[in-house]
PDB file of N, CA and C in Angstrom:
ATOM      1  N   MET A   1      11.182  12.290   4.278  1.00  0.00           N
ATOM      2  CA  MET A   1      10.192  11.861   4.328  1.00  0.00           C
ATOM      3  C   MET A   1       9.412  11.541   3.038  1.00  0.00           C
ATOM      4  N   ILE A   2       8.498   9.880   3.771  1.00  0.00           N
ATOM      5  CA  ILE A   2       8.203   9.448   2.522  1.00  0.00           C
ATOM      6  C   ILE A   2       6.858   9.950   2.057  1.00  0.00           C
ATOM      7  N   ASP A   3       6.576  10.045   0.703  1.00  0.00           N
ATOM      8  CA  ASP A   3       5.726  10.607  -0.051  1.00  0.00           C
ATOM      9  C   ASP A   3       4.201   9.626  -0.154  1.00  0.00           C
ATOM     10  N   GLU A   4       3.968  10.328   1.077  1.00  0.00           N
ATOM     11  CA  GLU A   4       2.187   8.946   1.622  1.00  0.00           C
ATOM     12  C   GLU A   4       1.213   9.327   0.195  1.00  0.00           C
ATOM     13  N   ALA A   5       0.827  10.430  -0.116  1.00  0.00           N
ATOM     14  CA  ALA A   5       0.197  10.989  -1.514  1.00  0.00           C
ATOM     15  C   ALA A   5       0.559  10.043  -2.392  1.00  0.00           C
ATOM     16  N   ALA A   6       1.662   9.727  -2.387  1.00  0.00           N
ATOM     17  CA  ALA A   6       1.716   8.588  -3.821  1.00  0.00           C
ATOM     18  C   ALA A   6       1.393   6.961  -3.381  1.00  0.00           C
ATOM     19  N   ILE A   7       1.666   6.715  -2.406  1.00  0.00           N
ATOM     20  CA  ILE A   7       0.990   5.689  -1.523  1.00  0.00           C
ATOM     21  C   ILE A   7      -0.268   6.009  -1.786  1.00  0.00           C
ATOM     22  N   ARG A   8      -1.304   6.738  -1.155  1.00  0.00           N
ATOM     23  CA  ARG A   8      -2.565   6.943  -1.343  1.00  0.00           C
ATOM     24  C   ARG A   8      -2.996   6.937  -3.049  1.00  0.00           C
ATOM     25  N   THR A   9      -2.335   7.110  -3.622  1.00  0.00           N
ATOM     26  CA  THR A   9      -2.770   7.318  -4.900  1.00  0.00           C
ATOM     27  C   THR A   9      -2.663   5.879  -5.429  1.00  0.00           C
ATOM     28  N   VAL A  10      -1.831   5.053  -5.041  1.00  0.00           N
ATOM     29  CA  VAL A  10      -1.457   3.653  -5.907  1.00  0.00           C
ATOM     30  C   VAL A  10      -2.842   2.743  -5.020  1.00  0.00           C
ATOM     31  N   PHE A  11      -3.246   3.048  -3.870  1.00  0.00           N
ATOM     32  CA  PHE A  11      -4.021   2.478  -2.949  1.00  0.00           C
ATOM     33  C   PHE A  11      -5.396   3.221  -3.960  1.00  0.00           C
ATOM     34  N   ALA A  12      -5.692   4.201  -4.148  1.00  0.00           N
ATOM     35  CA  ALA A  12      -7.179   4.515  -4.188  1.00  0.00           C
ATOM     36  C   ALA A  12      -7.284   4.394  -6.288  1.00  0.00           C
ATOM     37  N   ASP A  13      -5.790   4.172  -6.728  1.00  0.00           N
ATOM     38  CA  ASP A  13      -6.288   3.928  -8.404  1.00  0.00           C
ATOM     39  C   ASP A  13      -6.767   2.195  -8.030  1.00  0.00           C
ATOM     40  N   VAL A  14      -5.870   1.002  -7.556  1.00  0.00           N
ATOM     41  CA  VAL A  14      -6.169   0.174  -7.391  1.00  0.00           C
ATOM     42  C   VAL A  14      -7.258  -0.500  -6.529  1.00  0.00           C
ATOM     43  N   LEU A  15      -8.030   0.269  -5.559  1.00  0.00           N
ATOM     44  CA  LEU A  15      -8.865  -0.323  -5.233  1.00  0.00           C
ATOM     45  C   LEU A  15     -10.180   0.624  -5.368  1.00  0.00           C
ATOM     46  N   HIS A  16     -10.079   1.458  -6.393  1.00  0.00           N
ATOM     47  CA  HIS A  16     -11.136   2.142  -6.817  1.00  0.00           C
ATOM     48  C   HIS A  16     -11.862   3.000  -5.058  1.00  0.00           C
ATOM     49  N   LEU A  17     -10.738   3.779  -4.442  1.00  0.00           N
ATOM     50  CA  LEU A  17     -11.070   4.535  -3.227  1.00  0.00           C
ATOM     51  C   LEU A  17     -11.739   6.011  -3.831  1.00  0.00           C
ATOM     52  N   THR A  18     -12.693   6.453  -2.783  1.00  0.00           N
ATOM     53  CA  THR A  18     -12.813   8.086  -2.742  1.00  0.00           C
ATOM     54  C   THR A  18     -12.154   8.749  -2.205  1.00  0.00           C
ATOM     55  N   ASP A  19     -12.026   9.980  -1.962  1.00  0.00           N
ATOM     56  CA  ASP A  19     -11.426  11.196  -1.693  1.00  0.00           C
ATOM     57  C   ASP A  19     -11.950  10.913  -0.036  1.00  0.00           C
ATOM     58  N   ALA A  20     -13.084  10.613   0.555  1.00  0.00           N
ATOM     59  CA  ALA A  20     -13.671  10.812   1.565  1.00  0.00           C
ATOM     60  C   ALA A  20     -13.283   9.634   2.627  1.00  0.00           C
ATOM     61  N   VAL A  21     -12.300   8.284   1.972  1.00  0.00           N
ATOM     62  CA  VAL A  21     -11.919   7.534   2.832  1.00  0.00           C
ATOM     63  C   VAL A  21     -11.231   7.705   4.037  1.00  0.00           C
ATOM     64  N   GLU A  22     -11.474   6.781   4.860  1.00  0.00           N
ATOM     65  CA  GLU A  22     -10.731   6.911   6.051  1.00  0.00           C
ATOM     66  C   GLU A  22      -9.417   5.860   6.125  1.00  0.00           C
ATOM     67  N   TRP A  23      -8.459   6.800   5.555  1.00  0.00           N
ATOM     68  CA  TRP A  23      -7.023   5.639   5.401  1.00  0.00           C
ATOM     69  C   TRP A  23      -6.668   4.738   6.687  1.00  0.00           C
ATOM     70  N   THR A  24      -7.033   5.331   7.733  1.00  0.00           N
ATOM     71  CA  THR A  24      -6.797   4.070   8.971  1.00  0.00           C
ATOM     72  C   THR A  24      -7.547   3.237   9.124  1.00  0.00           C
ATOM     73  N   SER A  25      -8.470   2.900   8.240  1.00  0.00           N
ATOM     74  CA  SER A  25      -9.461   1.915   8.391  1.00  0.00           C
ATOM     75  C   SER A  25      -9.394   1.215   7.236  1.00  0.00           C
ATOM     76  N   ILE A  26      -8.357   1.156   5.931  1.00  0.00           N
ATOM     77  CA  ILE A  26      -7.903   0.141   5.060  1.00  0.00           C
ATOM     78  C   ILE A  26      -7.303  -0.769   5.494  1.00  0.00           C
ATOM     79  N   ARG A  27      -8.288  -2.170   5.125  1.00  0.00           N
ATOM     80  CA  ARG A  27      -7.677  -3.273   5.623  1.00  0.00           C
ATOM     81  C   ARG A  27      -7.734  -4.270   4.560  1.00  0.00           C
ATOM     82  N   TYR A  28      -6.492  -5.480   4.326  1.00  0.00           N
ATOM     83  CA  TYR A  28      -7.174  -6.346   4.038  1.00  0.00           C
ATOM     84  C   TYR A  28      -7.801  -7.477   4.154  1.00  0.00           C
ATOM     85  N   GLY A  29      -8.937  -7.460   3.499  1.00  0.00           N
ATOM     86  CA  GLY A  29     -10.011  -8.319   3.256  1.00  0.00           C
ATOM     87  C   GLY A  29     -11.278  -7.947   4.054  1.00  0.00           C
ATOM     88  N   HIS A  30     -11.077  -6.809   4.650  1.00  0.00           N
ATOM     89  CA  HIS A  30     -12.307  -5.838   4.952  1.00  0.00           C
ATOM     90  C   HIS A  30     -12.603  -4.549   4.126  1.00  0.00           C
ATOM     91  N   THR A  31     -11.587  -4.248   3.106  1.00  0.00           N
ATOM     92  CA  THR A  31     -11.955  -2.842   2.509  1.00  0.00           C
ATOM     93  C   THR A  31     -12.451  -3.691   1.092  1.00  0.00           C
ATOM     94  N   GLU A  32     -13.631  -3.396   0.800  1.00  0.00           N
ATOM     95  CA  GLU A  32     -14.150  -3.805  -0.919  1.00  0.00           C
ATOM     96  C   GLU A  32     -12.390  -3.421  -1.909  1.00  0.00           C
ATOM     97  N   GLY A  33     -12.856  -4.588  -2.860  1.00  0.00           N
ATOM     98  CA  GLY A  33     -11.082  -4.988  -3.353  1.00  0.00           C
ATOM     99  C   GLY A  33      -9.999  -4.965  -3.108  1.00  0.00           C
ATOM    100  N   TRP A  34      -9.975  -4.891  -1.998  1.00  0.00           N
ATOM    101  CA  TRP A  34      -8.362  -5.748  -1.361  1.00  0.00           C
ATOM    102  C   TRP A  34      -8.472  -6.953  -0.913  1.00  0.00           C
ATOM    103  N   ASP A  35      -8.883  -7.923  -2.188  1.00  0.00           N
ATOM    104  CA  ASP A  35      -8.525  -9.681  -1.828  1.00  0.00           C
ATOM    105  C   ASP A  35      -7.221  -9.669  -2.215  1.00  0.00           C
ATOM    106  N   SER A  36      -6.936 -10.876  -2.586  1.00  0.00           N
ATOM    107  CA  SER A  36      -5.751 -11.491  -3.398  1.00  0.00           C
ATOM    108  C   SER A  36      -5.313 -10.569  -4.595  1.00  0.00           C
ATOM    109  N   LEU A  37      -6.157 -10.470  -5.389  1.00  0.00           N
ATOM    110  CA  LEU A  37      -6.072  -9.798  -6.728  1.00  0.00           C
ATOM    111  C   LEU A  37      -5.653  -8.391  -6.504  1.00  0.00           C
ATOM    112  N   GLY A  38      -6.385  -7.506  -5.699  1.00  0.00           N
ATOM    113  CA  GLY A  38      -6.085  -6.293  -4.795  1.00  0.00           C
ATOM    114  C   GLY A  38      -5.051  -6.475  -4.568  1.00  0.00           C
ATOM    115  N   HIS A  39      -4.401  -7.110  -3.833  1.00  0.00           N
ATOM    116  CA  HIS A  39      -3.316  -7.089  -3.024  1.00  0.00           C
ATOM    117  C   HIS A  39      -1.827  -7.181  -4.091  1.00  0.00           C
ATOM    118  N   MET A  40      -2.045  -7.844  -4.971  1.00  0.00           N
ATOM    119  CA  MET A  40      -0.694  -8.171  -5.635  1.00  0.00           C
ATOM    120  C   MET A  40      -1.047  -6.773  -6.735  1.00  0.00           C
ATOM    121  N   GLY A  41      -2.039  -6.322  -7.098  1.00  0.00           N
ATOM    122  CA  GLY A  41      -1.876  -4.998  -7.721  1.00  0.00           C
ATOM    123  C   GLY A  41      -1.422  -4.181  -7.038  1.00  0.00           C
ATOM    124  N   ILE A  42      -1.875  -4.045  -6.041  1.00  0.00           N
ATOM    125  CA  ILE A  42      -0.705  -2.812  -4.808  1.00  0.00           C
ATOM    126  C   ILE A  42       0.147  -3.036  -4.740  1.00  0.00           C
ATOM    127  N   VAL A  43       0.779  -4.163  -4.559  1.00  0.00           N
ATOM    128  CA  VAL A  43       2.228  -4.686  -4.325  1.00  0.00           C
ATOM    129  C   VAL A  43       2.928  -4.114  -5.767  1.00  0.00           C
ATOM    130  N   ALA A  44       2.602  -4.415  -7.061  1.00  0.00           N
ATOM    131  CA  ALA A  44       3.197  -4.444  -8.018  1.00  0.00           C
ATOM    132  C   ALA A  44       3.186  -3.001  -8.351  1.00  0.00           C
ATOM    133  N   GLU A  45       1.901  -1.824  -8.122  1.00  0.00           N
ATOM    134  CA  GLU A  45       1.762  -0.494  -8.337  1.00  0.00           C
ATOM    135  C   GLU A  45       2.858   0.075  -7.350  1.00  0.00           C
ATOM    136  N   LEU A  46       3.251   0.106  -6.103  1.00  0.00           N
ATOM    137  CA  LEU A  46       4.124   0.530  -5.329  1.00  0.00           C
ATOM    138  C   LEU A  46       6.116  -0.316  -5.685  1.00  0.00           C
ATOM    139  N   GLU A  47       5.793  -1.247  -6.147  1.00  0.00           N
ATOM    140  CA  GLU A  47       7.145  -1.269  -6.857  1.00  0.00           C
ATOM    141  C   GLU A  47       7.741  -0.629  -7.597  1.00  0.00           C
ATOM    142  N   ASP A  48       6.450  -0.524  -9.032  1.00  0.00           N
ATOM    143  CA  ASP A  48       6.626   0.117  -9.902  1.00  0.00           C
ATOM    144  C   ASP A  48       6.643   1.563  -9.679  1.00  0.00           C
ATOM    145  N   HIS A  49       6.372   2.409  -8.783  1.00  0.00           N
ATOM    146  CA  HIS A  49       6.088   3.946  -8.513  1.00  0.00           C
ATOM    147  C   HIS A  49       7.496   4.170  -7.680  1.00  0.00           C
ATOM    148  N   PHE A  50       7.846   3.456  -6.797  1.00  0.00           N
ATOM    149  CA  PHE A  50       9.021   3.560  -5.810  1.00  0.00           C
ATOM    150  C   PHE A  50      10.149   3.045  -6.250  1.00  0.00           C
ATOM    151  N   GLY A  51      10.356   1.884  -7.397  1.00  0.00           N
ATOM    152  CA  GLY A  51      11.483   1.422  -7.978  1.00  0.00           C
ATOM    153  C   GLY A  51      11.551   0.631  -6.854  1.00  0.00           C
ATOM    154  N   ILE A  52      11.237  -0.215  -6.105  1.00  0.00           N
ATOM    155  CA  ILE A  52      11.350  -0.966  -4.964  1.00  0.00           C
ATOM    156  C   ILE A  52      10.931  -2.289  -5.318  1.00  0.00           C
ATOM    157  N   MET A  53      11.511  -3.539  -4.725  1.00  0.00           N
ATOM    158  CA  MET A  53      11.342  -4.695  -4.662  1.00  0.00           C
ATOM    159  C   MET A  53      10.881  -5.642  -3.038  1.00  0.00           C
ATOM    160  N   LEU A  54       9.490  -5.605  -2.901  1.00  0.00           N
ATOM    161  CA  LEU A  54       9.186  -6.212  -1.791  1.00  0.00           C
ATOM    162  C   LEU A  54       9.290  -7.735  -1.750  1.00  0.00           C
ATOM    163  N   ASP A  55       9.847  -8.482  -0.198  1.00  0.00           N
ATOM    164  CA  ASP A  55      10.081  -9.501  -0.336  1.00  0.00           C
ATOM    165  C   ASP A  55       9.023  -9.919   0.022  1.00  0.00           C
ATOM    166  N   THR A  56       9.368 -11.182   0.197  1.00  0.00           N
ATOM    167  CA  THR A  56       7.466 -12.276   0.252  1.00  0.00           C
ATOM    168  C   THR A  56       7.188 -11.799   1.889  1.00  0.00           C
ATOM    169  N   GLN A  57       8.039 -11.504   2.904  1.00  0.00           N
ATOM    170  CA  GLN A  57       7.861 -11.095   3.847  1.00  0.00           C
ATOM    171  C   GLN A  57       6.849  -9.857   3.969  1.00  0.00           C
ATOM    172  N   ASP A  58       7.401  -8.932   3.229  1.00  0.00           N
ATOM    173  CA  ASP A  58       6.551  -7.502   3.436  1.00  0.00           C
ATOM    174  C   ASP A  58       5.434  -7.596   2.661  1.00  0.00           C
ATOM    175  N   VAL A  59       5.029  -8.351   1.494  1.00  0.00           N
ATOM    176  CA  VAL A  59       3.761  -9.018   1.004  1.00  0.00           C
ATOM    177  C   VAL A  59       2.977  -9.029   2.091  1.00  0.00           C
ATOM    178  N   ILE A  60       3.313 -10.295   2.541  1.00  0.00           N
ATOM    179  CA  ILE A  60       2.478 -10.649   3.519  1.00  0.00           C
ATOM    180  C   ILE A  60       2.127 -10.113   4.712  1.00  0.00           C
ATOM    181  N   ASP A  61       3.027  -9.416   5.407  1.00  0.00           N
ATOM    182  CA  ASP A  61       3.088  -8.050   6.552  1.00  0.00           C
ATOM    183  C   ASP A  61       1.807  -6.838   5.866  1.00  0.00           C
ATOM    184  N   MET A  62       1.894  -6.719   4.871  1.00  0.00           N
ATOM    185  CA  MET A  62       1.258  -5.569   4.276  1.00  0.00           C
ATOM    186  C   MET A  62       0.052  -5.815   4.256  1.00  0.00           C
ATOM    187  N   SER A  63      -0.661  -5.653   5.549  1.00  0.00           N
ATOM    188  CA  SER A  63      -2.192  -5.889   5.858  1.00  0.00           C
ATOM    189  C   SER A  63      -3.043  -4.777   6.300  1.00  0.00           C
ATOM    190  N   SER A  64      -2.467  -3.542   5.985  1.00  0.00           N
ATOM    191  CA  SER A  64      -3.087  -2.153   6.283  1.00  0.00           C
ATOM    192  C   SER A  64      -2.370  -1.324   5.172  1.00  0.00           C
ATOM    193  N   TYR A  65      -3.161  -0.502   5.234  1.00  0.00           N
ATOM    194  CA  TYR A  65      -2.605   0.937   4.525  1.00  0.00           C
ATOM    195  C   TYR A  65      -1.368   1.436   5.102  1.00  0.00           C
ATOM    196  N   GLU A  66      -1.872   1.496   6.381  1.00  0.00           N
ATOM    197  CA  GLU A  66      -0.677   1.853   7.344  1.00  0.00           C
ATOM    198  C   GLU A  66       0.930   1.348   7.302  1.00  0.00           C
ATOM    199  N   ARG A  67       0.702  -0.015   7.346  1.00  0.00           N
ATOM    200  CA  ARG A  67       1.533  -1.363   7.270  1.00  0.00           C
ATOM    201  C   ARG A  67       1.949  -0.903   6.060  1.00  0.00           C
ATOM    202  N   ALA A  68       1.407  -0.969   5.090  1.00  0.00           N
ATOM    203  CA  ALA A  68       1.883  -0.341   3.664  1.00  0.00           C
ATOM    204  C   ALA A  68       3.295   0.459   3.458  1.00  0.00           C
ATOM    205  N   VAL A  69       3.011   1.756   4.185  1.00  0.00           N
ATOM    206  CA  VAL A  69       3.686   2.854   4.290  1.00  0.00           C
ATOM    207  C   VAL A  69       4.764   2.560   5.390  1.00  0.00           C
ATOM    208  N   GLU A  70       4.655   1.709   6.376  1.00  0.00           N
ATOM    209  CA  GLU A  70       5.807   1.487   6.856  1.00  0.00           C
ATOM    210  C   GLU A  70       6.886   0.575   6.121  1.00  0.00           C
ATOM    211  N   VAL A  71       6.302  -0.719   5.560  1.00  0.00           N
ATOM    212  CA  VAL A  71       7.102  -0.931   4.755  1.00  0.00           C
ATOM    213  C   VAL A  71       7.948  -0.452   3.489  1.00  0.00           C
ATOM    214  N   VAL A  72       7.021   0.374   2.896  1.00  0.00           N
ATOM    215  CA  VAL A  72       7.844   1.286   1.685  1.00  0.00           C
ATOM    216  C   VAL A  72       8.953   2.018   2.211  1.00  0.00           C
ATOM    217  N   ALA A  73       8.384   2.518   3.379  1.00  0.00           N
ATOM    218  CA  ALA A  73       9.363   3.817   3.954  1.00  0.00           C
ATOM    219  C   ALA A  73      10.739   2.731   4.441  1.00  0.00           C
ATOM    220  N   LYS A  74      10.364   1.752   4.946  1.00  0.00           N
ATOM    221  CA  LYS A  74      11.745   0.809   5.517  1.00  0.00           C
ATOM    222  C   LYS A  74      12.348   0.413   4.298  1.00  0.00           C
ATOM    223  N   LEU A  75      12.152  -0.090   2.866  1.00  0.00           N
ATOM    224  CA  LEU A  75      12.472  -0.158   1.872  1.00  0.00           C
ATOM    225  C   LEU A  75      13.330   0.879   1.079  1.00  0.00           C
ATOM    226  N   LEU A  76      12.707   2.195   1.506  1.00  0.00           N
ATOM    227  CA  LEU A  76      13.468   3.461   1.113  1.00  0.00           C
ATOM    228  C   LEU A  76      14.455   3.769   1.926  1.00  0.00           C
ATOM    229  N   GLY A  77      14.721   3.473   3.195  1.00  0.00           N
ATOM    230  CA  GLY A  77      15.494   3.763   4.162  1.00  0.00           C
ATOM    231  C   GLY A  77      15.046   4.981   4.817  1.00  0.00           C
ATOM    232  N   GLU A  78      13.566   5.362   5.058  1.00  0.00           N
ATOM    233  CA  GLU A  78      13.324   6.446   5.725  1.00  0.00           C
ATOM    234  C   GLU A  78      12.294   6.171   6.851  1.00  0.00           C
ATOM    235  N   ASN A  79      11.875   7.169   7.489  1.00  0.00           N
ATOM    236  CA  ASN A  79      11.133   7.025   8.465  1.00  0.00           C
ATOM    237  C   ASN A  79      10.205   7.845   8.293  1.00  0.00           C
ATOM    238  N   THR A  80       8.812   6.818   9.067  1.00  0.00           N
ATOM    239  CA  THR A  80       7.407   7.637   8.756  1.00  0.00           C
ATOM    240  C   THR A  80       7.323   8.550  10.089  1.00  0.00           C
TER     241      THR A  80
END
């Protein structure tokens, strides 16, 4: 099973989120800090933490927290 806590930590660190955040509401362009610069920070931290390399389509598709979990799981060969 994917380590969602680690993905949450990446998002919280990069976007400066609090523990009270509703994870299903985290979306690119709608969550404060998740602009193009924040997006690249999330991508870099996910790649570093999980030892993966997101391709261009995955980076583009990663438009929500939930989608990020799916992308990481896919690259790790796991089910969410």
